[in-house]
C-alpha atoms as a PDB file:
ATOM      1  CA  MET A   1      47.241 160.042  24.877  1.00  0.00           C
ATOM      2  CA  THR A   2      45.078 157.135  23.670  1.00  0.00           C
ATOM      3  CA  THR A   3      44.689 153.705  25.259  1.00  0.00           C
ATOM      4  CA  LEU A   4      46.886 152.271  22.504  1.00  0.00           C
ATOM      5  CA  ASP A   5      49.759 154.492  23.660  1.00  0.00           C
ATOM      6  CA  THR A   6      49.486 153.474  27.331  1.00  0.00           C
ATOM      7  CA  PRO A   7      52.399 151.250  28.334  1.00  0.00           C
ATOM      8  CA  LEU A   8      51.439 147.814  29.620  1.00  0.00           C
ATOM      9  CA  SER A   9      52.478 146.904  33.113  1.00  0.00           C
ATOM     10  CA  PRO A  10      54.010 143.449  33.496  1.00  0.00           C
ATOM     11  CA  ALA A  11      51.570 140.943  34.944  1.00  0.00           C
ATOM     12  CA  ARG A  12      52.463 137.970  37.060  1.00  0.00           C
ATOM     13  CA  PRO A  13      51.615 134.735  35.169  1.00  0.00           C
ATOM     14  CA  TRP A  14      48.607 133.021  36.735  1.00  0.00           C
ATOM     15  CA  GLY A  15      50.392 129.666  37.089  1.00  0.00           C
ATOM     16  CA  VAL A  16      53.237 131.004  39.239  1.00  0.00           C
ATOM     17  CA  GLY A  17      51.137 130.702  42.392  1.00  0.00           C
ATOM     18  CA  ARG A  18      50.525 127.019  41.614  1.00  0.00           C
ATOM     19  CA  LEU A  19      54.202 126.063  41.448  1.00  0.00           C
ATOM     20  CA  ALA A  20      55.628 123.792  44.105  1.00  0.00           C
ATOM     21  CA  PRO A  21      58.948 122.006  44.565  1.00  0.00           C
ATOM     22  CA  TYR A  22      59.303 118.602  42.963  1.00  0.00           C
ATOM     23  CA  PRO A  23      58.658 115.731  45.369  1.00  0.00           C
ATOM     24  CA  THR A  24      61.589 113.795  46.717  1.00  0.00           C
ATOM     25  CA  THR A  25      62.669 111.103  44.294  1.00  0.00           C
ATOM     26  CA  VAL A  26      62.563 107.458  45.305  1.00  0.00           C
ATOM     27  CA  ARG A  27      64.970 104.819  44.039  1.00  0.00           C
ATOM     28  CA  ARG A  28      63.034 101.958  42.514  1.00  0.00           C
ATOM     29  CA  PRO A  29      64.141  98.398  43.300  1.00  0.00           C
ATOM     30  CA  HIS A  30      64.536  97.517  39.620  1.00  0.00           C
ATOM     31  CA  ALA A  31      67.110  98.626  37.071  1.00  0.00           C
ATOM     32  CA  THR A  32      65.700  97.147  33.832  1.00  0.00           C
ATOM     33  CA  VAL A  33      62.411  95.909  32.445  1.00  0.00           C
ATOM     34  CA  THR A  34      62.154  93.357  29.629  1.00  0.00           C
ATOM     35  CA  ILE A  35      59.226  91.472  28.103  1.00  0.00           C
ATOM     36  CA  ASP A  36      58.954  87.729  28.670  1.00  0.00           C
ATOM     37  CA  PRO A  37      58.300  86.315  25.166  1.00  0.00           C
ATOM     38  CA  GLU A  38      56.074  83.496  26.471  1.00  0.00           C
ATOM     39  CA  THR A  39      53.817  85.411  28.864  1.00  0.00           C
ATOM     40  CA  GLN A  40      54.128  88.878  27.259  1.00  0.00           C
ATOM     41  CA  THR A  41      54.510  90.419  30.709  1.00  0.00           C
ATOM     42  CA  GLY A  42      57.208  92.685  32.087  1.00  0.00           C
ATOM     43  CA  VAL A  43      60.166  91.136  33.911  1.00  0.00           C
ATOM     44  CA  TYR A  44      61.833  93.535  36.345  1.00  0.00           C
ATOM     45  CA  ARG A  45      65.481  92.937  37.232  1.00  0.00           C
ATOM     46  CA  ASP A  46      67.748  94.604  39.787  1.00  0.00           C
ATOM     47  CA  ARG A  47      71.281  95.862  39.129  1.00  0.00           C
ATOM     48  CA  LEU A  48      72.659  92.327  39.616  1.00  0.00           C
ATOM     49  CA  GLY A  49      70.258  90.801  37.071  1.00  0.00           C
ATOM     50  CA  GLN A  50      68.060  89.114  39.672  1.00  0.00           C
ATOM     51  CA  VAL A  51      64.278  89.142  39.080  1.00  0.00           C
ATOM     52  CA  VAL A  52      62.443  91.609  41.347  1.00  0.00           C
ATOM     53  CA  GLU A  53      58.873  90.737  42.388  1.00  0.00           C
ATOM     54  CA  THR A  54      56.668  93.755  41.742  1.00  0.00           C
ATOM     55  CA  GLY A  55      53.363  92.481  43.069  1.00  0.00           C
ATOM     56  CA  LYS A  56      50.223  91.418  41.285  1.00  0.00           C
ATOM     57  CA  HIS A  57      47.697  93.528  39.458  1.00  0.00           C
ATOM     58  CA  GLY A  58      44.037  92.580  39.278  1.00  0.00           C
ATOM     59  CA  THR A  59      42.070  92.147  36.107  1.00  0.00           C
ATOM     60  CA  SER A  60      38.641  93.445  35.314  1.00  0.00           C
ATOM     61  CA  SER A  61      35.936  93.005  32.714  1.00  0.00           C
ATOM     62  CA  GLY A  62      32.677  94.762  32.057  1.00  0.00           C
ATOM     63  CA  THR A  63      29.567  94.653  29.918  1.00  0.00           C
ATOM     64  CA  GLU A  64      27.162  97.323  28.773  1.00  0.00           C
ATOM     65  CA  THR A  65      23.695  96.755  27.345  1.00  0.00           C
ATOM     66  CA  SER A  66      21.366  99.223  25.704  1.00  0.00           C
ATOM     67  CA  THR A  67      17.796  99.374  26.994  1.00  0.00           C
ATOM     68  CA  THR A  68      14.647 100.729  25.355  1.00  0.00           C
ATOM     69  CA  THR A  69      11.530 101.202  27.491  1.00  0.00           C
ATOM     70  CA  ASN A  70       9.121 102.430  24.809  1.00  0.00           C
ATOM     71  CA  SER A  71       9.494 101.285  21.210  1.00  0.00           C
ATOM     72  CA  ASP A  72       6.441 103.272  20.031  1.00  0.00           C
ATOM     73  CA  SER A  73       6.581 106.930  19.094  1.00  0.00           C
ATOM     74  CA  ALA A  74       9.153 108.356  21.525  1.00  0.00           C
ATOM     75  CA  PRO A  75      11.620 105.719  22.709  1.00  0.00           C
ATOM     76  CA  ASP A  76      13.229 106.283  26.080  1.00  0.00           C
ATOM     77  CA  GLN A  77      16.710 104.824  25.875  1.00  0.00           C
ATOM     78  CA  GLY A  78      19.266 104.124  28.547  1.00  0.00           C
ATOM     79  CA  HIS A  79      21.938 101.577  29.301  1.00  0.00           C
ATOM     80  CA  ASP A  80      23.041  99.203  32.037  1.00  0.00           C
ATOM     81  CA  GLN A  81      26.618  98.544  33.108  1.00  0.00           C
ATOM     82  CA  ASP A  82      28.238  95.925  35.268  1.00  0.00           C
ATOM     83  CA  SER A  83      31.820  95.056  36.030  1.00  0.00           C
ATOM     84  CA  GLN A  84      33.843  92.358  37.754  1.00  0.00           C
ATOM     85  CA  GLN A  85      37.251  92.775  39.281  1.00  0.00           C
ATOM     86  CA  ASP A  86      39.545  90.318  40.986  1.00  0.00           C
END
């Protein structure tokens, strides 16, 4: 009998041990989301059509500059980064 004739034994898929039950679902306070044409932001409304306040999100901006420390034969390049968030 050669190795090609040996029956394969079923193997347990590797991901089976990683499975877990789905988390409990949570009912969100809004039923619909539309876009305000003036501000281009989402407007969340409950089942009665009343606007639901969803909190504020901050904004951020950043810059990145390239730096060169030796412009002769073998330049050593790097970069600087900074960011601001409110």
